[in-house]
N, C-alpha and C. Protein backbone atom coordinates (compact mmCIF):
# COMPACT_ATOMS: atom_id res chain seq x y z
N MET A 1 86.28 98.20 96.22
CA MET A 1 87.83 97.62 96.49
C MET A 1 88.03 96.45 97.17
N GLU A 2 88.78 95.37 96.61
CA GLU A 2 88.67 94.08 97.26
C GLU A 2 89.51 94.20 98.52
N LYS A 3 89.26 93.49 99.55
CA LYS A 3 90.06 93.56 100.81
C LYS A 3 91.24 92.64 100.63
N PRO A 4 92.44 92.97 100.96
CA PRO A 4 93.64 92.08 100.55
C PRO A 4 93.73 90.89 101.29
N ASP A 5 94.41 89.73 100.92
CA ASP A 5 94.41 88.33 101.63
C ASP A 5 95.22 88.43 102.73
N LYS A 6 96.05 89.14 102.70
CA LYS A 6 97.18 89.35 103.75
C LYS A 6 97.37 90.61 103.94
N LEU A 7 98.08 90.87 105.24
CA LEU A 7 98.45 92.26 105.60
C LEU A 7 99.97 92.01 105.81
N GLU A 8 100.88 92.28 104.90
CA GLU A 8 102.51 92.09 104.91
C GLU A 8 103.33 93.14 104.51
N THR A 9 102.51 94.09 103.42
CA THR A 9 103.37 95.13 102.84
C THR A 9 102.60 96.38 102.94
N LEU A 10 103.47 97.42 102.46
CA LEU A 10 102.59 98.73 102.29
C LEU A 10 101.39 98.68 101.33
N ASP A 11 101.68 97.87 100.33
CA ASP A 11 100.61 97.88 99.14
C ASP A 11 99.45 97.19 99.81
N ASP A 12 99.46 95.96 100.63
CA ASP A 12 98.58 95.34 101.21
C ASP A 12 97.86 96.36 102.37
N LEU A 13 98.43 97.22 102.95
CA LEU A 13 98.01 98.01 103.88
C LEU A 13 97.21 99.36 103.03
N LEU A 14 97.48 99.62 101.95
CA LEU A 14 96.95 100.63 101.02
C LEU A 14 95.52 100.03 100.69
N ALA A 15 95.76 98.63 100.41
CA ALA A 15 94.52 98.18 99.77
C ALA A 15 93.45 97.72 100.93
N GLN A 16 94.02 97.52 101.99
CA GLN A 16 93.11 97.47 103.20
C GLN A 16 92.26 98.70 103.65
N ALA A 17 93.10 99.75 103.52
CA ALA A 17 92.68 101.30 103.86
C ALA A 17 91.47 101.76 102.64
N GLY A 18 91.91 101.15 101.49
CA GLY A 18 90.88 101.48 100.43
C GLY A 18 89.60 100.75 100.75
N HIS A 19 89.78 99.44 101.22
CA HIS A 19 88.50 98.58 101.33
C HIS A 19 87.71 99.21 102.53
N TYR A 20 88.42 99.64 103.37
CA TYR A 20 87.72 100.27 104.72
C TYR A 20 87.06 101.55 104.05
N ALA A 21 87.76 102.63 103.58
CA ALA A 21 87.12 103.71 103.00
C ALA A 21 85.90 103.50 102.07
N GLU A 22 85.80 102.52 101.13
CA GLU A 22 84.62 102.10 100.47
C GLU A 22 83.64 101.63 101.38
N PHE A 23 83.94 100.76 102.25
CA PHE A 23 82.99 100.03 103.20
C PHE A 23 82.20 101.39 104.04
N CYS A 24 83.04 102.17 104.67
CA CYS A 24 82.55 103.20 105.54
C CYS A 24 81.60 104.26 104.47
N MET A 25 82.01 104.66 103.20
CA MET A 25 81.36 105.49 102.49
C MET A 25 79.96 105.00 102.00
N ARG A 26 79.96 103.88 101.55
CA ARG A 26 78.74 103.11 101.23
C ARG A 26 77.67 102.73 102.26
N ASN A 27 78.00 102.75 103.60
CA ASN A 27 77.30 102.39 104.50
C ASN A 27 76.86 103.77 105.32
N SER A 28 77.66 104.66 105.36
CA SER A 28 77.35 105.87 105.93
C SER A 28 77.56 107.29 105.46
N GLY A 29 78.10 107.25 104.24
CA GLY A 29 78.50 108.27 103.49
C GLY A 29 79.50 109.32 103.88
N THR A 30 80.22 108.71 104.91
CA THR A 30 81.39 109.30 105.52
C THR A 30 82.33 108.43 106.16
N MET A 31 83.73 108.83 106.45
CA MET A 31 84.72 108.01 106.90
C MET A 31 85.26 108.44 108.04
N ARG A 32 85.42 107.69 109.11
CA ARG A 32 86.35 108.12 110.21
C ARG A 32 87.80 108.09 109.89
N PRO A 33 88.58 109.25 110.30
CA PRO A 33 90.13 109.06 110.07
C PRO A 33 90.56 107.65 110.62
N ALA A 34 91.51 107.15 109.94
CA ALA A 34 91.95 105.89 110.62
C ALA A 34 93.53 105.57 110.20
N LEU A 35 93.96 104.93 111.16
CA LEU A 35 95.46 104.72 110.97
C LEU A 35 95.64 103.11 110.90
N PHE A 36 96.27 102.56 109.98
CA PHE A 36 96.53 101.16 109.94
C PHE A 36 98.12 100.81 109.80
N LEU A 37 98.44 99.82 110.49
CA LEU A 37 99.80 99.75 110.60
C LEU A 37 100.30 98.16 110.60
N ILE A 38 101.58 97.96 110.29
CA ILE A 38 101.82 96.34 110.56
C ILE A 38 103.09 96.66 111.35
N GLY A 39 102.93 95.96 112.77
CA GLY A 39 104.14 96.16 113.53
C GLY A 39 104.55 94.68 113.99
N ALA A 40 105.42 94.90 115.17
CA ALA A 40 106.03 93.61 115.61
C ALA A 40 105.02 92.68 116.24
N GLU A 41 103.67 93.18 116.56
CA GLU A 41 102.77 92.36 117.13
C GLU A 41 101.54 92.14 116.24
N GLY A 42 101.83 92.38 114.90
CA GLY A 42 100.73 92.06 113.74
C GLY A 42 100.07 93.25 113.53
N PRO A 43 99.16 93.39 112.60
CA PRO A 43 98.44 94.46 112.06
C PRO A 43 97.58 95.16 113.12
N LEU A 44 97.28 96.35 113.07
CA LEU A 44 96.40 97.22 113.77
C LEU A 44 95.82 98.09 113.06
N MET A 45 94.46 98.34 113.46
CA MET A 45 93.84 99.59 112.89
C MET A 45 93.26 100.39 114.00
N ILE A 46 93.47 101.71 113.95
CA ILE A 46 92.90 102.59 114.90
C ILE A 46 91.97 103.84 114.17
N ALA A 47 90.85 104.17 114.74
CA ALA A 47 89.96 105.07 114.15
C ALA A 47 89.75 105.94 115.12
N THR A 48 89.53 107.15 114.82
CA THR A 48 89.02 108.41 115.77
C THR A 48 87.70 108.77 115.29
N ALA A 49 86.63 109.07 116.33
CA ALA A 49 85.52 109.62 115.91
C ALA A 49 85.38 110.58 115.22
N SER A 50 86.30 111.84 115.46
CA SER A 50 86.30 113.03 114.74
C SER A 50 87.65 113.59 114.78
N MET A 51 87.81 114.53 113.88
CA MET A 51 89.19 115.20 113.46
C MET A 51 88.71 116.76 113.05
N ASP A 52 88.07 117.63 113.67
CA ASP A 52 87.60 118.55 113.07
C ASP A 52 88.48 119.81 113.29
N GLY A 53 89.12 119.96 114.58
CA GLY A 53 89.90 121.09 114.71
C GLY A 53 91.26 120.90 114.61
N VAL A 54 92.27 121.91 114.68
CA VAL A 54 93.58 121.62 114.78
C VAL A 54 94.37 120.79 115.92
N GLU A 55 93.61 120.99 116.97
CA GLU A 55 93.86 120.23 118.29
C GLU A 55 93.62 118.73 118.17
N GLU A 56 92.60 118.40 117.58
CA GLU A 56 92.12 116.91 117.43
C GLU A 56 93.19 116.32 116.20
N LYS A 57 93.57 117.15 115.31
CA LYS A 57 94.45 116.77 114.38
C LYS A 57 95.66 116.39 114.82
N ASP A 58 96.27 117.30 115.83
CA ASP A 58 97.51 117.08 116.14
C ASP A 58 97.53 116.07 117.33
N ALA A 59 96.37 115.88 117.98
CA ALA A 59 96.36 114.81 118.90
C ALA A 59 96.46 113.42 118.35
N PHE A 60 95.65 113.27 116.98
CA PHE A 60 95.91 112.12 116.16
C PHE A 60 97.16 111.70 115.63
N VAL A 61 97.81 112.87 115.14
CA VAL A 61 99.08 112.72 114.76
C VAL A 61 99.98 112.17 115.92
N THR A 62 100.18 112.91 117.04
CA THR A 62 101.22 112.56 118.24
C THR A 62 100.84 111.19 118.62
N ALA A 63 99.48 110.51 118.79
CA ALA A 63 98.98 109.47 119.13
C ALA A 63 99.57 108.57 118.03
N ALA A 64 99.53 108.72 116.97
CA ALA A 64 99.80 107.82 115.85
C ALA A 64 101.07 107.59 115.71
N ARG A 65 101.94 108.47 116.04
CA ARG A 65 103.57 108.39 115.98
C ARG A 65 103.83 107.42 117.33
N LEU A 66 103.13 107.69 118.34
CA LEU A 66 103.54 106.93 119.56
C LEU A 66 102.96 105.54 119.46
N ILE A 67 102.07 105.35 118.75
CA ILE A 67 101.33 103.92 118.45
C ILE A 67 102.45 103.26 117.53
N CYS A 68 102.96 103.78 116.65
CA CYS A 68 104.09 103.33 115.44
C CYS A 68 105.43 102.85 116.47
N ILE A 69 105.67 103.84 117.39
CA ILE A 69 106.77 103.33 118.15
C ILE A 69 106.59 102.12 118.97
N ALA A 70 105.41 102.27 119.65
CA ALA A 70 104.91 101.21 120.74
C ALA A 70 104.92 99.85 119.90
N GLN A 71 104.39 99.97 118.71
CA GLN A 71 104.21 98.81 117.95
C GLN A 71 105.33 98.26 117.23
N ALA A 72 106.50 98.94 117.10
CA ALA A 72 107.59 98.77 116.14
C ALA A 72 107.22 98.60 114.81
N ALA A 73 106.21 99.61 114.27
CA ALA A 73 105.77 99.62 112.82
C ALA A 73 106.69 99.82 111.83
N THR A 74 106.52 98.74 110.82
CA THR A 74 107.24 98.85 109.60
C THR A 74 106.56 99.65 108.36
N SER A 75 105.10 99.48 108.37
CA SER A 75 104.43 99.96 107.29
C SER A 75 103.07 100.67 108.22
N VAL A 76 102.94 101.88 107.49
CA VAL A 76 101.69 102.67 108.13
C VAL A 76 101.02 103.42 107.25
N VAL A 77 99.44 103.45 107.26
CA VAL A 77 98.77 104.34 106.30
C VAL A 77 97.77 104.99 107.08
N VAL A 78 97.77 106.34 106.67
CA VAL A 78 96.78 107.16 107.27
C VAL A 78 95.67 107.38 106.33
N ALA A 79 94.39 107.15 106.60
CA ALA A 79 93.34 107.24 105.66
C ALA A 79 92.34 108.36 106.23
N LEU A 80 92.06 109.48 105.15
CA LEU A 80 91.14 110.38 105.66
C LEU A 80 90.38 111.24 104.52
N GLU A 81 89.10 111.67 104.87
CA GLU A 81 88.40 112.53 103.69
C GLU A 81 89.14 113.89 103.96
N ALA A 82 89.07 114.35 102.77
CA ALA A 82 89.77 115.91 102.65
C ALA A 82 89.06 116.43 101.36
N TRP A 83 89.30 117.82 101.37
CA TRP A 83 89.09 118.77 100.08
C TRP A 83 90.17 119.12 99.32
N MET A 84 90.16 118.80 98.11
CA MET A 84 91.31 119.24 97.23
C MET A 84 90.65 120.00 96.19
N LYS A 85 91.78 120.93 95.71
CA LYS A 85 91.67 121.87 94.69
C LYS A 85 92.62 121.66 93.65
N PHE A 86 92.39 122.13 92.37
CA PHE A 86 93.35 122.05 91.29
C PHE A 86 93.63 123.35 90.74
N ALA A 87 94.89 123.69 90.45
CA ALA A 87 95.15 124.73 89.59
C ALA A 87 94.59 124.67 88.09
N LYS A 88 94.08 125.84 87.53
CA LYS A 88 93.66 125.82 86.08
C LYS A 88 94.96 125.74 85.21
N PRO A 89 94.60 125.22 84.14
CA PRO A 89 95.91 124.91 83.17
C PRO A 89 96.66 126.23 82.77
N GLY A 90 98.10 126.19 83.09
CA GLY A 90 98.75 127.18 82.76
C GLY A 90 98.71 128.27 83.89
N GLU A 91 98.02 128.17 85.08
CA GLU A 91 97.88 128.86 86.11
C GLU A 91 98.53 128.53 87.24
N PRO A 92 99.26 129.17 88.36
CA PRO A 92 99.57 128.62 89.43
C PRO A 92 98.31 128.53 90.42
N ILE A 93 98.70 127.63 91.23
CA ILE A 93 97.59 127.17 92.39
C ILE A 93 97.49 128.32 93.51
N ASP A 94 96.21 128.68 93.82
CA ASP A 94 96.10 129.87 94.77
C ASP A 94 96.39 129.32 96.21
N MET A 95 97.45 129.25 96.69
CA MET A 95 97.84 128.84 98.07
C MET A 95 97.26 129.67 99.29
N THR A 96 96.48 130.82 98.93
CA THR A 96 95.94 131.42 99.83
C THR A 96 94.62 131.09 100.33
N GLU A 97 94.08 130.45 99.35
CA GLU A 97 92.51 129.94 99.45
C GLU A 97 92.27 128.63 100.12
N PRO A 98 91.98 128.07 101.20
CA PRO A 98 91.85 126.62 101.77
C PRO A 98 91.07 125.92 100.68
N PRO A 99 91.43 124.81 100.56
CA PRO A 99 90.68 123.80 99.55
C PRO A 99 89.21 123.80 100.05
N SER A 100 88.97 123.85 101.32
CA SER A 100 87.35 123.56 101.77
C SER A 100 86.75 124.78 101.36
N GLU A 101 87.46 125.87 100.82
CA GLU A 101 86.49 127.06 100.59
C GLU A 101 86.66 127.29 99.07
N ALA A 102 87.33 126.59 98.29
CA ALA A 102 87.35 126.78 97.06
C ALA A 102 85.96 126.31 96.22
N PHE A 103 85.75 127.11 95.40
CA PHE A 103 84.39 127.04 94.49
C PHE A 103 84.39 125.64 93.73
N ASP A 104 85.61 125.26 93.26
CA ASP A 104 85.81 123.99 92.27
C ASP A 104 86.55 123.04 93.02
N ARG A 105 86.25 122.80 94.53
CA ARG A 105 86.98 121.99 95.13
C ARG A 105 86.42 120.39 94.85
N GLN A 106 87.25 119.36 95.21
CA GLN A 106 86.76 118.17 94.84
C GLN A 106 87.03 117.31 96.30
N GLU A 107 85.64 116.68 96.68
CA GLU A 107 85.79 115.75 97.90
C GLU A 107 86.63 114.64 97.55
N VAL A 108 87.50 114.04 98.33
CA VAL A 108 88.44 112.93 98.19
C VAL A 108 88.70 112.22 99.45
N VAL A 109 88.93 110.90 99.24
CA VAL A 109 89.63 110.16 100.39
C VAL A 109 91.30 110.08 100.25
N VAL A 110 92.06 110.39 101.00
CA VAL A 110 93.52 110.28 100.85
C VAL A 110 93.90 109.20 101.71
N LEU A 111 94.74 108.58 101.00
CA LEU A 111 95.56 107.28 101.66
C LEU A 111 97.03 107.47 101.58
N MET A 112 97.70 107.86 102.64
CA MET A 112 99.19 108.27 102.87
C MET A 112 99.74 107.23 103.55
N GLY A 113 100.60 106.65 102.78
CA GLY A 113 101.33 105.40 103.39
C GLY A 113 102.67 105.61 103.27
N GLU A 114 103.29 105.03 104.37
CA GLU A 114 104.81 105.16 104.63
C GLU A 114 105.43 103.66 105.07
N SER A 115 106.64 103.27 104.52
CA SER A 115 107.34 102.29 105.01
C SER A 115 108.93 102.53 105.02
N LYS A 116 109.63 101.65 105.40
CA LYS A 116 110.88 101.82 105.51
C LYS A 116 111.77 102.18 104.20
N THR A 117 110.93 101.84 103.12
CA THR A 117 111.44 101.83 101.84
C THR A 117 110.92 103.19 101.07
N GLY A 118 110.06 103.75 101.50
CA GLY A 118 109.51 105.23 101.01
C GLY A 118 107.96 105.33 101.35
N GLN A 119 107.35 106.35 100.46
CA GLN A 119 106.00 106.59 100.73
C GLN A 119 105.24 106.31 99.46
N LYS A 120 104.01 106.33 99.79
CA LYS A 120 103.22 105.92 98.54
C LYS A 120 101.70 106.68 98.91
N GLN A 121 101.21 107.45 98.02
CA GLN A 121 99.81 108.04 98.22
C GLN A 121 98.87 107.76 97.20
N ARG A 122 97.57 107.53 97.61
CA ARG A 122 96.39 107.33 96.82
C ARG A 122 95.41 108.21 96.96
N ILE A 123 94.77 108.73 95.99
CA ILE A 123 93.65 109.71 96.07
C ILE A 123 92.52 109.33 95.35
N LEU A 124 91.46 109.02 96.26
CA LEU A 124 90.17 108.56 95.62
C LEU A 124 89.15 109.64 95.62
N PRO A 125 88.96 110.14 94.46
CA PRO A 125 87.85 111.44 94.25
C PRO A 125 86.39 110.67 94.41
N ILE A 126 85.71 111.18 95.32
CA ILE A 126 84.27 110.96 95.66
C ILE A 126 83.21 111.41 94.70
N ILE A 127 82.47 110.51 94.40
CA ILE A 127 81.15 110.78 93.44
C ILE A 127 79.96 110.75 94.46
N ARG A 128 79.09 111.68 94.45
CA ARG A 128 77.92 111.63 95.17
C ARG A 128 76.89 111.94 94.21
N SER A 129 75.70 111.32 94.33
CA SER A 129 74.49 111.67 93.56
C SER A 129 73.85 112.94 94.00
N GLY A 130 72.72 113.14 93.35
CA GLY A 130 72.23 114.47 93.44
C GLY A 130 71.75 114.57 94.77
N ASN A 131 71.33 113.85 95.46
CA ASN A 131 70.74 113.94 96.84
C ASN A 131 71.84 113.81 98.05
N GLY A 132 73.28 113.77 97.43
CA GLY A 132 74.36 113.84 98.37
C GLY A 132 74.79 112.51 99.01
N ARG A 133 74.19 111.32 98.53
CA ARG A 133 74.60 110.18 98.82
C ARG A 133 75.93 109.58 98.21
N PHE A 134 76.74 108.89 98.81
CA PHE A 134 77.91 108.34 98.06
C PHE A 134 77.48 107.35 97.03
N PHE A 135 78.03 107.62 95.91
CA PHE A 135 77.72 106.79 94.59
C PHE A 135 79.09 105.75 94.30
N GLY A 136 80.28 106.42 94.77
CA GLY A 136 81.54 105.38 94.30
C GLY A 136 82.53 106.39 94.22
N PHE A 137 83.74 105.79 94.14
CA PHE A 137 85.07 106.56 93.77
C PHE A 137 85.08 106.54 92.02
N LYS A 138 85.88 107.63 91.57
CA LYS A 138 85.98 107.86 90.22
C LYS A 138 87.60 107.44 90.19
N GLU A 139 87.84 107.18 89.09
CA GLU A 139 89.37 106.92 88.81
C GLU A 139 90.09 108.20 88.99
N ALA A 140 91.24 108.29 89.81
CA ALA A 140 91.93 109.41 90.12
C ALA A 140 92.73 110.05 88.74
N VAL A 141 92.55 111.10 88.44
CA VAL A 141 93.34 111.71 87.25
C VAL A 141 94.71 112.02 87.47
N MET A 142 94.98 112.25 88.88
CA MET A 142 96.33 112.79 89.24
C MET A 142 97.24 111.56 89.40
N PRO A 143 98.38 111.71 89.17
CA PRO A 143 99.46 110.53 89.54
C PRO A 143 99.71 110.11 90.68
N GLN A 144 99.94 108.88 91.17
CA GLN A 144 100.35 108.63 92.46
C GLN A 144 101.46 109.33 92.94
N THR A 145 101.42 109.79 94.08
CA THR A 145 102.73 110.66 94.71
C THR A 145 103.52 109.80 95.47
N GLU A 146 104.79 109.89 95.40
CA GLU A 146 105.73 109.03 96.31
C GLU A 146 106.45 109.96 97.21
N ARG A 147 106.16 111.13 97.32
CA ARG A 147 106.75 112.16 98.46
C ARG A 147 105.63 113.16 98.62
N PHE A 148 105.41 113.27 99.95
CA PHE A 148 104.25 114.20 100.35
C PHE A 148 104.98 114.80 101.65
N GLU A 149 104.28 115.92 102.12
CA GLU A 149 104.64 116.47 103.35
C GLU A 149 103.59 117.15 103.91
N GLY A 150 103.53 117.58 105.18
CA GLY A 150 102.51 117.99 105.96
C GLY A 150 102.34 117.32 107.16
N ARG A 151 101.16 117.70 108.03
CA ARG A 151 100.92 117.37 109.27
C ARG A 151 100.65 115.77 109.43
N PHE A 152 100.15 115.08 108.25
CA PHE A 152 99.98 113.59 108.50
C PHE A 152 101.24 112.94 107.77
N SER A 153 102.26 113.45 107.47
CA SER A 153 103.31 112.73 107.05
C SER A 153 104.45 112.41 107.95
N GLN A 154 105.27 111.59 107.59
CA GLN A 154 106.43 111.31 108.75
C GLN A 154 105.74 110.52 110.02
N ILE A 155 104.80 109.90 109.87
CA ILE A 155 104.12 109.28 111.06
C ILE A 155 104.96 108.14 111.60
N LEU A 156 105.65 107.45 110.45
CA LEU A 156 106.64 106.21 110.78
C LEU A 156 108.12 106.73 111.35
N SER A 157 108.50 106.42 112.37
CA SER A 157 109.95 106.70 113.06
C SER A 157 110.83 106.13 112.02
N PRO A 158 111.76 107.07 111.56
CA PRO A 158 112.82 106.64 110.75
C PRO A 158 113.77 105.51 111.17
N ASN A 159 113.90 105.40 112.57
CA ASN A 159 114.74 104.49 113.11
C ASN A 159 114.01 103.31 113.88
N THR A 160 114.35 102.10 113.86
CA THR A 160 113.72 101.03 114.49
C THR A 160 113.77 101.34 115.95
N PRO A 161 112.70 101.38 116.69
CA PRO A 161 112.58 101.66 118.11
C PRO A 161 113.19 100.46 118.94
N THR A 162 113.93 101.02 119.97
CA THR A 162 114.42 99.89 120.88
C THR A 162 113.41 99.37 121.68
N ASP A 163 113.60 98.36 122.73
CA ASP A 163 112.64 98.01 123.63
C ASP A 163 112.31 98.99 124.60
N GLU A 164 113.31 99.78 124.99
CA GLU A 164 113.15 100.88 125.84
C GLU A 164 112.18 101.95 125.38
N HIS A 165 112.42 102.21 123.99
CA HIS A 165 111.42 103.34 123.21
C HIS A 165 110.16 102.97 123.36
N ARG A 166 109.87 101.37 122.97
CA ARG A 166 108.88 100.88 122.98
C ARG A 166 107.91 100.93 124.22
N PHE A 167 108.68 100.69 125.24
CA PHE A 167 108.05 100.62 126.70
C PHE A 167 107.74 102.22 126.96
N ILE A 168 108.33 103.00 126.68
CA ILE A 168 108.12 104.49 127.06
C ILE A 168 106.90 104.91 126.27
N ALA A 169 106.85 104.61 124.95
CA ALA A 169 105.70 105.10 124.24
C ALA A 169 104.38 104.33 124.70
N LYS A 170 104.48 103.02 124.94
CA LYS A 170 103.26 102.35 125.64
C LYS A 170 102.85 103.15 126.84
N ALA A 171 103.91 103.46 127.76
CA ALA A 171 103.42 104.07 128.83
C ALA A 171 102.75 105.50 128.71
N MET A 172 103.36 106.14 127.68
CA MET A 172 102.65 107.35 127.31
C MET A 172 101.41 107.35 127.00
N LEU A 173 101.07 106.28 125.89
CA LEU A 173 100.03 106.06 125.35
C LEU A 173 98.63 105.75 126.67
N GLU A 174 99.22 105.04 127.61
CA GLU A 174 98.26 104.44 128.77
C GLU A 174 97.96 105.79 129.57
N MET A 175 99.02 106.63 129.65
CA MET A 175 98.57 108.05 130.24
C MET A 175 97.62 108.83 129.55
N LYS A 176 97.56 108.62 128.14
CA LYS A 176 96.65 109.42 127.46
C LYS A 176 95.25 108.62 127.41
N GLY A 177 95.24 107.45 128.08
CA GLY A 177 94.05 106.82 128.19
C GLY A 177 93.74 105.81 127.06
N LEU A 178 94.77 105.48 126.06
CA LEU A 178 94.48 104.86 125.00
C LEU A 178 94.96 103.25 125.20
N ASN A 179 93.84 102.44 124.94
CA ASN A 179 94.18 101.07 125.16
C ASN A 179 94.20 100.25 123.96
N LEU A 180 95.30 99.64 123.78
CA LEU A 180 95.57 98.94 122.38
C LEU A 180 95.40 97.55 122.72
N ASP A 181 94.25 96.82 122.33
CA ASP A 181 93.89 95.52 122.53
C ASP A 181 94.74 94.85 121.63
N LYS A 182 94.39 93.40 121.51
CA LYS A 182 95.28 92.52 120.65
C LYS A 182 95.42 92.77 119.26
N PRO A 183 96.34 92.37 118.76
CA PRO A 183 96.59 92.67 117.09
C PRO A 183 95.41 92.43 116.41
N GLY A 184 95.13 93.51 115.33
CA GLY A 184 93.99 93.20 114.39
C GLY A 184 92.64 93.73 114.80
N SER A 185 92.84 94.50 116.26
CA SER A 185 91.53 94.98 116.80
C SER A 185 91.50 96.32 116.15
N SER A 186 90.35 97.18 116.62
CA SER A 186 90.09 98.39 116.14
C SER A 186 89.73 99.18 117.51
N VAL A 187 90.25 100.16 117.82
CA VAL A 187 90.03 101.11 118.88
C VAL A 187 89.76 102.55 118.51
N ARG A 188 89.05 103.12 119.57
CA ARG A 188 88.61 104.65 119.26
C ARG A 188 89.87 105.51 119.59
N LEU A 189 90.32 106.47 119.06
CA LEU A 189 91.22 107.44 119.45
C LEU A 189 90.85 108.66 119.31
N SER A 190 90.90 109.30 120.49
CA SER A 190 90.27 110.78 120.71
C SER A 190 91.28 111.48 121.58
N PRO A 191 91.43 112.90 121.21
CA PRO A 191 92.50 113.59 122.06
C PRO A 191 91.75 113.75 123.44
N GLN A 192 92.81 113.82 124.41
CA GLN A 192 92.32 114.23 125.73
C GLN A 192 92.18 115.65 126.06
N LYS A 193 91.07 116.25 126.86
CA LYS A 193 91.03 117.23 127.17
C LYS A 193 91.77 117.68 128.39
N ALA A 194 92.31 118.85 128.37
CA ALA A 194 93.22 119.15 129.66
C ALA A 194 92.16 119.37 130.85
N LYS A 195 92.39 118.65 131.93
CA LYS A 195 91.45 119.05 132.89
C LYS A 195 92.14 120.20 133.98
N LYS A 196 90.88 120.94 134.22
CA LYS A 196 91.41 122.18 135.07
C LYS A 196 91.33 121.88 136.50
N SER A 197 92.41 121.86 137.32
CA SER A 197 92.19 121.66 138.65
C SER A 197 91.55 122.79 139.54
N ARG A 198 90.80 122.20 140.43
CA ARG A 198 90.06 123.22 141.41
C ARG A 198 90.82 123.64 142.61
N ARG A 199 91.09 124.90 142.90
CA ARG A 199 91.97 125.40 143.91
C ARG A 199 90.82 126.06 145.07
């Protein structure tokens, strides 16, 4: 996937996220979950080392929403690896079985984008060779979705944040130990563990 020449629209961000996904998969066979945004201070990318448990996923989403407020984001894309399963023709999908445990699961990279004008989602099915190494992305057989729900949706605030909201969000991020460098930089994002006080 080609890197976009500019980062001005949601489509540009989706292309950038796709380029990031392919670069990571070709170099390491895996991809860190990442957030891409366009805000008042320019484009920004945030990556987290891991997102295995519910706490880490919730921490990522909470921080992502605060970052979008702090940066007055107008477009945002969440990129992550996931398992996907499909219903057999003419049959309803089994909602009781997690996709990660399904026999016919498909490993994919999901790009979930939001802007003030709506949502866009791209699914990139992963192809691996016999030894498990990343081979490429195959063309998705499912249509692009323009509406999605779940933990990683509604990251972008529906209202334009005020200067006060941005100040508060930045202060909250600093309390979490998150350091947002200059626009266009990449930082690590990890959930903080609660510290137990000794008495």
